[in-house]
Amino acid sequence: MTHIAVLRGDGIGPEIVEEGLKVLRAAATRFKLDLTFTEALVGGAAYDATGHPLPDATRSLCEGADAVYLGAVGGPKYDKIPDPNLRPERGALLPLRKILGLYANLRPAVLYPALASACPLRADKVVGGFDILVVRELTGGLYFGQPKGWEGDRAVDTCVYTKEEIVRITRVAFESARRRPRKSVMSVDKANVLETSRLWRTTVEEIAKEYPDVTLTHMLVDACAMALCKNPQQFDVILTENLFGDILSDEAAELTGSLGMLPSASLGAGGKGLFEPSHGSAPDIAGTGKANPLATILSGALLLRYSAGAEEAAVAIEQAVERVLGDGFRTADIAGADAPGVLNCTQMGDLVVKYVTNPN
């Protein structure tokens, strides 16, 4: 049995999670998986109800679950909370990652050939699409380093990395590359300026010796940002630290046509993980039916792969999404003039369920 903590969150979170749950249940039925779901409040919704974005009950549920399935948290309303530690992103997401020991963030950025027209790059740059996996370190760097603070006209953020943190995320990247056809890792840093990046590069090169079947190259982060726009097909696995990974994975997502297409898995030891779309809560479209649930649905596939050990079911969901897109169906954010039908959030979820249930 796989026990899943379900945190719908804020904005479009409840509606995209609803579609993700429908697809997970359909996959569970087809592949005879034993999945159980328990819901709890998180983010702004939790703050409104309890005064804290990560209540004790939610924290306990997540600690005891095998996986956490999250919608999205936050919104402009909560940016005005006086105590920054009670704002949803800082008061819920960052603590959850720490509590659950999540140190590796995997963000697959896939441009399906059917969505080539949604990519902002010239068509000749993305013929055949691309498949990039960004492996981002989650526990170190500027987000967590101390000292940190803002007083008067001076603010401080400290970038800190230990060799141990770099070793474990490097192994995740190389193990991931081994399972992919191209078996290549691009390590991204700023070793020409930053001491943490020099430690990063030295450590990555040391660990790479354990993986002679995987090709390692290096790139500075500014060059990588430009190369993603110029030739994204050159990348297979991108390995990088926390801040750089945050930015580069969002850039890669935009190249897929929409942030609504980018799933995410944050993993710790033993398969425990948090699975969520990489986009925000989009409160401006909440309740309108315009939200794209595909990133959340694909995050559910990652949940099955990494926390439930159900590879066949995960692939079935991914193939169903590809089939939906191949048949020309779109949500508003990825719709072009050639789309035969623009679906709302619920309709898109229903169609993926249909294709998961009846693959032929």
Protein backbone atom coordinates (compact mmCIF):
# COMPACT_ATOMS: atom_id res chain seq x y z
CA MET A 1 0.00 0.00 0.00
CA THR A 2 1.16 3.54 -0.80
CA HIS A 3 -0.21 6.21 1.54
CA ILE A 4 -0.43 9.60 -0.17
CA ALA A 5 -0.91 12.88 1.67
CA VAL A 6 -2.99 15.18 -0.55
CA LEU A 7 -2.48 18.92 -0.09
CA ARG A 8 -4.63 20.87 -2.53
CA GLY A 9 -3.37 24.28 -1.46
CA ASP A 10 -4.44 27.62 -2.90
CA GLY A 11 -5.68 29.24 -6.11
CA ILE A 12 -5.95 26.65 -8.86
CA GLY A 13 -4.45 24.01 -6.55
CA PRO A 14 -7.75 22.34 -5.59
CA GLU A 15 -8.97 21.97 -9.18
CA ILE A 16 -5.72 20.67 -10.70
CA VAL A 17 -5.22 18.21 -7.84
CA GLU A 18 -8.77 16.94 -8.39
CA GLU A 19 -7.85 16.04 -11.97
CA GLY A 20 -4.58 14.47 -10.85
CA LEU A 21 -6.41 12.30 -8.33
CA LYS A 22 -8.85 11.12 -11.00
CA VAL A 23 -5.95 9.99 -13.16
CA LEU A 24 -4.12 8.30 -10.26
CA ARG A 25 -7.28 6.38 -9.34
CA ALA A 26 -7.75 5.31 -12.95
CA ALA A 27 -4.17 4.05 -13.09
CA ALA A 28 -4.61 2.28 -9.75
CA THR A 29 -7.68 0.48 -11.04
CA ARG A 30 -6.04 -0.60 -14.29
CA PHE A 31 -2.78 -1.77 -12.71
CA LYS A 32 -4.28 -3.01 -9.42
CA LEU A 33 -2.34 -0.59 -7.22
CA ASP A 34 -3.16 -0.12 -3.54
CA LEU A 35 -3.22 3.66 -3.12
CA THR A 36 -4.77 5.49 -0.18
CA PHE A 37 -5.30 9.25 0.00
CA THR A 38 -5.61 11.50 3.06
CA GLU A 39 -6.21 15.23 2.66
CA ALA A 40 -5.03 18.17 4.76
CA LEU A 41 -4.75 21.95 4.53
CA VAL A 42 -1.58 23.74 3.51
CA GLY A 43 -0.48 27.21 2.46
CA GLY A 44 -2.83 30.16 2.48
CA ALA A 45 -5.87 27.95 3.02
CA ALA A 46 -4.24 26.54 6.15
CA TYR A 47 -3.21 30.01 7.33
CA ASP A 48 -6.80 31.26 6.97
CA ALA A 49 -8.13 28.28 8.94
CA THR A 50 -5.45 27.85 11.61
CA GLY A 51 -3.12 30.85 11.54
CA HIS A 52 -0.19 28.81 10.15
CA PRO A 53 0.57 27.64 6.57
CA LEU A 54 1.82 24.26 7.82
CA PRO A 55 -0.34 23.18 10.77
CA ASP A 56 0.82 20.40 13.08
CA ALA A 57 -1.82 18.02 11.69
CA THR A 58 -0.57 18.54 8.14
CA ARG A 59 3.02 18.16 9.20
CA SER A 60 2.28 14.89 11.00
CA LEU A 61 0.33 13.54 8.03
CA CYS A 62 3.20 14.27 5.64
CA GLU A 63 5.79 12.75 7.96
CA GLY A 64 3.80 9.51 8.10
CA ALA A 65 2.91 9.31 4.41
CA ASP A 66 4.86 7.59 1.66
CA ALA A 67 4.39 10.55 -0.68
CA VAL A 68 2.94 14.05 -0.69
CA TYR A 69 0.82 15.24 -3.63
CA LEU A 70 0.65 19.03 -3.66
CA GLY A 71 -1.26 21.53 -5.78
CA ALA A 72 0.12 25.04 -5.30
CA VAL A 73 0.41 27.53 -2.46
CA GLY A 74 0.40 31.27 -2.00
CA GLY A 75 -0.90 34.28 -3.83
CA PRO A 76 -0.82 38.09 -3.57
CA LYS A 77 -3.20 38.03 -0.61
CA TYR A 78 -0.63 36.20 1.51
CA ASP A 79 2.37 38.28 0.45
CA LYS A 80 1.10 40.91 2.89
CA ILE A 81 1.38 38.70 5.99
CA PRO A 82 3.70 40.71 8.29
CA ASP A 83 5.77 37.71 9.44
CA PRO A 84 7.57 36.31 6.37
CA ASN A 85 7.86 32.93 8.12
CA LEU A 86 4.07 32.63 7.95
CA ARG A 87 3.82 33.29 4.23
CA PRO A 88 2.88 30.09 2.37
CA GLU A 89 6.05 29.54 0.34
CA ARG A 90 8.47 30.20 3.19
CA GLY A 91 6.27 28.85 5.95
CA ALA A 92 5.09 25.66 4.23
CA LEU A 93 7.15 24.59 1.20
CA LEU A 94 10.65 25.15 2.59
CA PRO A 95 9.86 23.53 5.97
CA LEU A 96 8.21 20.56 4.25
CA ARG A 97 11.34 19.92 2.22
CA LYS A 98 13.45 20.06 5.37
CA ILE A 99 11.09 17.95 7.51
CA LEU A 100 10.88 15.23 4.86
CA GLY A 101 14.59 15.31 4.07
CA LEU A 102 14.01 16.17 0.43
CA TYR A 103 17.29 17.11 -1.21
CA ALA A 104 16.82 16.29 -4.92
CA ASN A 105 14.39 18.07 -7.21
CA LEU A 106 13.76 16.43 -10.58
CA ARG A 107 12.03 18.55 -13.20
CA PRO A 108 11.47 16.88 -16.58
CA ALA A 109 11.06 19.50 -19.32
CA VAL A 110 9.67 17.74 -22.38
CA LEU A 111 8.65 19.44 -25.59
CA TYR A 112 6.26 16.99 -27.21
CA PRO A 113 6.45 17.16 -31.01
CA ALA A 114 2.72 17.96 -31.04
CA LEU A 115 3.42 21.14 -29.04
CA ALA A 116 6.23 22.44 -31.22
CA SER A 117 4.07 25.40 -32.27
CA ALA A 118 3.68 26.43 -28.61
CA CYS A 119 7.44 26.70 -28.13
CA PRO A 120 8.67 30.32 -28.39
CA LEU A 121 11.75 29.22 -30.35
CA ARG A 122 11.91 29.00 -34.14
CA ALA A 123 10.50 25.76 -35.47
CA ASP A 124 13.85 24.64 -36.91
CA LYS A 125 15.39 24.81 -33.42
CA VAL A 126 13.03 22.25 -31.93
CA VAL A 127 12.23 19.78 -34.72
CA GLY A 128 11.31 16.52 -33.00
CA GLY A 129 10.99 18.18 -29.61
CA PHE A 130 13.37 17.69 -26.69
CA ASP A 131 13.58 15.86 -23.38
CA ILE A 132 15.57 17.59 -20.63
CA LEU A 133 15.80 16.54 -16.98
CA VAL A 134 16.88 19.28 -14.57
CA VAL A 135 18.28 17.84 -11.34
CA ARG A 136 18.33 20.61 -8.74
CA GLU A 137 19.87 20.46 -5.25
CA LEU A 138 17.26 21.51 -2.68
CA THR A 139 18.80 21.93 0.77
CA GLY A 140 21.83 24.18 0.29
CA GLY A 141 22.76 27.46 -1.31
CA LEU A 142 21.34 30.93 -0.84
CA TYR A 143 17.88 29.75 0.22
CA PHE A 144 19.12 28.17 3.43
CA GLY A 145 22.58 29.58 4.17
CA GLN A 146 23.18 31.55 7.35
CA PRO A 147 23.49 34.38 8.22
CA LYS A 148 20.40 35.68 6.49
CA GLY A 149 18.54 38.89 7.21
CA TRP A 150 17.46 42.40 6.32
CA GLU A 151 18.11 45.36 8.54
CA GLY A 152 17.75 48.95 7.41
CA ASP A 153 19.61 49.50 4.15
CA ARG A 154 21.50 46.21 4.26
CA ALA A 155 20.35 42.68 3.47
CA VAL A 156 22.34 39.45 3.61
CA ASP A 157 21.89 36.01 2.04
CA THR A 158 24.69 33.48 2.45
CA CYS A 159 25.51 30.77 -0.08
CA VAL A 160 26.79 27.63 1.64
CA TYR A 161 27.42 24.13 0.27
CA THR A 162 29.05 21.10 1.84
CA LYS A 163 30.77 18.35 -0.09
CA GLU A 164 28.25 15.82 1.24
CA GLU A 165 25.33 17.80 -0.22
CA ILE A 166 27.03 17.96 -3.60
CA VAL A 167 27.96 14.27 -3.59
CA ARG A 168 24.43 13.02 -2.99
CA ILE A 169 22.76 15.24 -5.62
CA THR A 170 25.49 14.36 -8.13
CA ARG A 171 24.76 10.67 -7.67
CA VAL A 172 21.05 11.32 -8.30
CA ALA A 173 21.91 13.06 -11.58
CA PHE A 174 24.27 10.34 -12.77
CA GLU A 175 21.91 7.52 -11.81
CA SER A 176 19.14 9.34 -13.69
CA ALA A 177 21.37 9.77 -16.74
CA ARG A 178 22.18 6.08 -16.72
CA ARG A 179 18.49 5.30 -17.26
CA ARG A 180 18.23 7.63 -20.25
CA PRO A 181 19.32 6.88 -23.83
CA ARG A 182 21.93 9.64 -24.15
CA LYS A 183 23.61 9.06 -20.75
CA SER A 184 24.95 12.58 -20.43
CA VAL A 185 25.18 15.11 -17.59
CA MET A 186 25.78 18.84 -17.96
CA SER A 187 26.91 20.26 -14.60
CA VAL A 188 26.07 23.95 -14.35
CA ASP A 189 27.88 26.28 -11.95
CA LYS A 190 29.61 29.67 -11.68
CA ALA A 191 33.09 28.34 -10.97
CA ASN A 192 34.78 31.39 -12.49
CA VAL A 193 33.45 33.54 -9.62
CA LEU A 194 32.04 31.54 -6.68
CA GLU A 195 33.92 29.40 -4.17
CA THR A 196 30.85 27.19 -3.70
CA SER A 197 30.88 26.54 -7.44
CA ARG A 198 34.54 25.61 -7.38
CA LEU A 199 33.79 23.05 -4.69
CA TRP A 200 30.80 21.95 -6.75
CA ARG A 201 32.82 21.37 -9.93
CA THR A 202 35.66 19.55 -8.16
CA THR A 203 33.22 17.26 -6.34
CA VAL A 204 31.15 16.50 -9.44
CA GLU A 205 34.31 15.52 -11.35
CA GLU A 206 35.32 13.22 -8.49
CA ILE A 207 31.95 11.42 -8.43
CA ALA A 208 31.81 11.22 -12.22
CA LYS A 209 34.68 8.72 -12.11
CA GLU A 210 32.23 6.22 -10.61
CA TYR A 211 30.11 6.45 -13.78
CA PRO A 212 32.39 5.80 -16.78
CA ASP A 213 29.33 5.08 -18.93
CA VAL A 214 27.99 8.64 -18.42
CA THR A 215 29.48 11.65 -20.20
CA LEU A 216 30.13 14.73 -18.03
CA THR A 217 30.51 18.28 -19.32
CA HIS A 218 30.46 21.64 -17.53
CA MET A 219 28.84 24.95 -18.36
CA LEU A 220 28.64 28.30 -16.58
CA VAL A 221 25.12 29.24 -15.59
CA ASP A 222 24.91 32.35 -17.79
CA ALA A 223 26.09 30.35 -20.81
CA CYS A 224 23.56 27.63 -19.99
CA ALA A 225 20.72 30.14 -19.86
CA MET A 226 21.65 31.33 -23.34
CA ALA A 227 22.21 27.81 -24.69
CA LEU A 228 18.74 26.71 -23.55
CA CYS A 229 17.27 29.41 -25.76
CA LYS A 230 19.61 28.72 -28.66
CA ASN A 231 19.76 24.92 -28.78
CA PRO A 232 17.80 23.10 -26.05
CA GLN A 233 18.21 19.77 -27.84
CA GLN A 234 21.87 19.62 -26.80
CA PHE A 235 20.86 18.93 -23.17
CA ASP A 236 20.03 15.62 -21.56
CA VAL A 237 20.45 15.88 -17.75
CA ILE A 238 21.27 19.28 -16.25
CA LEU A 239 22.78 19.09 -12.74
CA THR A 240 22.92 22.27 -10.71
CA GLU A 241 22.59 23.95 -7.33
CA ASN A 242 19.47 25.35 -5.72
CA LEU A 243 19.14 28.89 -7.08
CA PHE A 244 20.45 28.12 -10.57
CA GLY A 245 18.16 25.10 -10.80
CA ASP A 246 15.15 27.14 -9.77
CA ILE A 247 15.74 29.61 -12.59
CA LEU A 248 16.91 27.25 -15.33
CA SER A 249 14.08 24.76 -14.82
CA ASP A 250 11.52 27.55 -15.21
CA GLU A 251 13.26 28.69 -18.39
CA ALA A 252 13.22 25.14 -19.72
CA ALA A 253 9.55 24.87 -18.80
CA GLU A 254 8.66 27.93 -20.84
CA LEU A 255 10.31 26.31 -23.85
CA THR A 256 7.88 23.39 -23.53
CA GLY A 257 5.03 25.77 -24.27
CA SER A 258 3.78 26.53 -20.77
CA LEU A 259 4.67 26.19 -17.09
CA GLY A 260 1.46 24.18 -17.00
CA MET A 261 3.38 21.34 -18.65
CA LEU A 262 6.21 20.98 -16.09
CA PRO A 263 5.91 18.34 -13.35
CA SER A 264 8.24 18.12 -10.39
CA ALA A 265 9.47 15.50 -7.93
CA SER A 266 11.36 16.40 -4.75
CA LEU A 267 12.97 13.26 -3.36
CA GLY A 268 14.67 12.16 -0.19
CA ALA A 269 16.15 8.88 0.94
CA GLY A 270 14.07 5.72 0.63
CA GLY A 271 11.67 6.90 -2.08
CA LYS A 272 9.76 9.41 0.03
CA GLY A 273 8.87 12.43 -2.05
CA LEU A 274 6.80 15.52 -2.66
CA PHE A 275 5.21 15.78 -6.09
CA GLU A 276 3.84 19.03 -7.47
CA PRO A 277 3.56 21.12 -10.62
CA SER A 278 6.31 23.70 -11.00
CA HIS A 279 3.91 26.58 -11.56
CA GLY A 280 2.26 28.80 -8.96
CA SER A 281 -1.28 29.08 -7.65
CA ALA A 282 -2.52 31.46 -10.41
CA PRO A 283 -5.35 32.94 -8.30
CA ASP A 284 -6.43 35.13 -11.23
CA ILE A 285 -7.79 32.08 -13.09
CA ALA A 286 -8.87 29.98 -10.09
CA GLY A 287 -12.37 28.63 -10.58
CA THR A 288 -12.57 29.65 -14.24
CA GLY A 289 -11.69 26.22 -15.67
CA LYS A 290 -8.69 27.68 -17.54
CA ALA A 291 -6.02 25.91 -15.48
CA ASN A 292 -3.87 23.32 -17.21
CA PRO A 293 -3.82 20.15 -15.06
CA LEU A 294 -1.21 18.29 -17.12
CA ALA A 295 1.79 19.26 -14.96
CA THR A 296 -0.08 17.98 -11.91
CA ILE A 297 -1.14 14.81 -13.72
CA LEU A 298 2.45 14.20 -14.85
CA SER A 299 3.62 14.84 -11.28
CA GLY A 300 1.30 12.00 -10.31
CA ALA A 301 3.16 9.78 -12.78
CA LEU A 302 6.42 10.71 -11.06
CA LEU A 303 4.82 9.82 -7.72
CA LEU A 304 3.97 6.36 -9.01
CA ARG A 305 7.49 5.90 -10.41
CA TYR A 306 9.53 7.07 -7.43
CA SER A 307 7.36 6.48 -4.34
CA ALA A 308 5.08 3.61 -5.37
CA GLY A 309 7.51 1.69 -7.58
CA ALA A 310 4.82 1.46 -10.25
CA GLU A 311 6.79 2.15 -13.41
CA GLU A 312 4.24 0.61 -15.78
CA ALA A 313 1.44 2.80 -14.40
CA ALA A 314 3.66 5.89 -14.55
CA VAL A 315 4.45 5.25 -18.22
CA ALA A 316 0.76 4.70 -18.95
CA ILE A 317 -0.07 8.18 -17.62
CA GLU A 318 2.76 9.78 -19.57
CA GLN A 319 1.68 8.01 -22.76
CA ALA A 320 -1.93 9.10 -22.18
CA VAL A 321 -0.83 12.74 -21.92
CA GLU A 322 1.24 12.42 -25.08
CA ARG A 323 -1.72 10.86 -26.88
CA VAL A 324 -4.07 13.65 -25.77
CA LEU A 325 -1.65 16.23 -27.14
CA GLY A 326 -1.00 14.20 -30.28
CA ASP A 327 -4.73 14.12 -30.96
CA GLY A 328 -4.70 17.91 -30.88
CA PHE A 329 -6.47 18.64 -27.60
CA ARG A 330 -5.27 21.61 -25.60
CA THR A 331 -6.00 23.80 -22.61
CA ALA A 332 -6.07 27.55 -23.21
CA ASP A 333 -2.41 28.15 -22.26
CA ILE A 334 -1.08 25.85 -24.99
CA ALA A 335 -3.80 26.22 -27.61
CA GLY A 336 -2.83 27.33 -31.08
CA ALA A 337 -4.92 28.09 -34.13
CA ASP A 338 -4.69 24.43 -35.21
CA ALA A 339 -6.14 22.96 -31.99
CA PRO A 340 -9.38 21.04 -32.76
CA GLY A 341 -10.68 21.58 -29.26
CA VAL A 342 -9.76 23.79 -26.32
CA LEU A 343 -10.63 21.92 -23.15
CA ASN A 344 -11.25 23.23 -19.68
CA CYS A 345 -9.42 21.78 -16.69
CA THR A 346 -12.01 19.09 -15.95
CA GLN A 347 -12.38 18.03 -19.58
CA MET A 348 -8.62 17.60 -19.94
CA GLY A 349 -8.51 15.43 -16.83
CA ASP A 350 -11.41 13.34 -18.10
CA LEU A 351 -9.68 12.77 -21.44
CA VAL A 352 -6.44 11.62 -19.79
CA VAL A 353 -8.48 9.25 -17.60
CA LYS A 354 -10.11 7.85 -20.74
CA TYR A 355 -6.75 7.20 -22.39
CA VAL A 356 -5.25 5.68 -19.23
CA THR A 357 -8.24 3.39 -18.86
CA ASN A 358 -8.45 2.46 -22.56
CA PRO A 359 -4.96 2.77 -24.07
CA ASN A 360 -6.07 1.28 -27.40
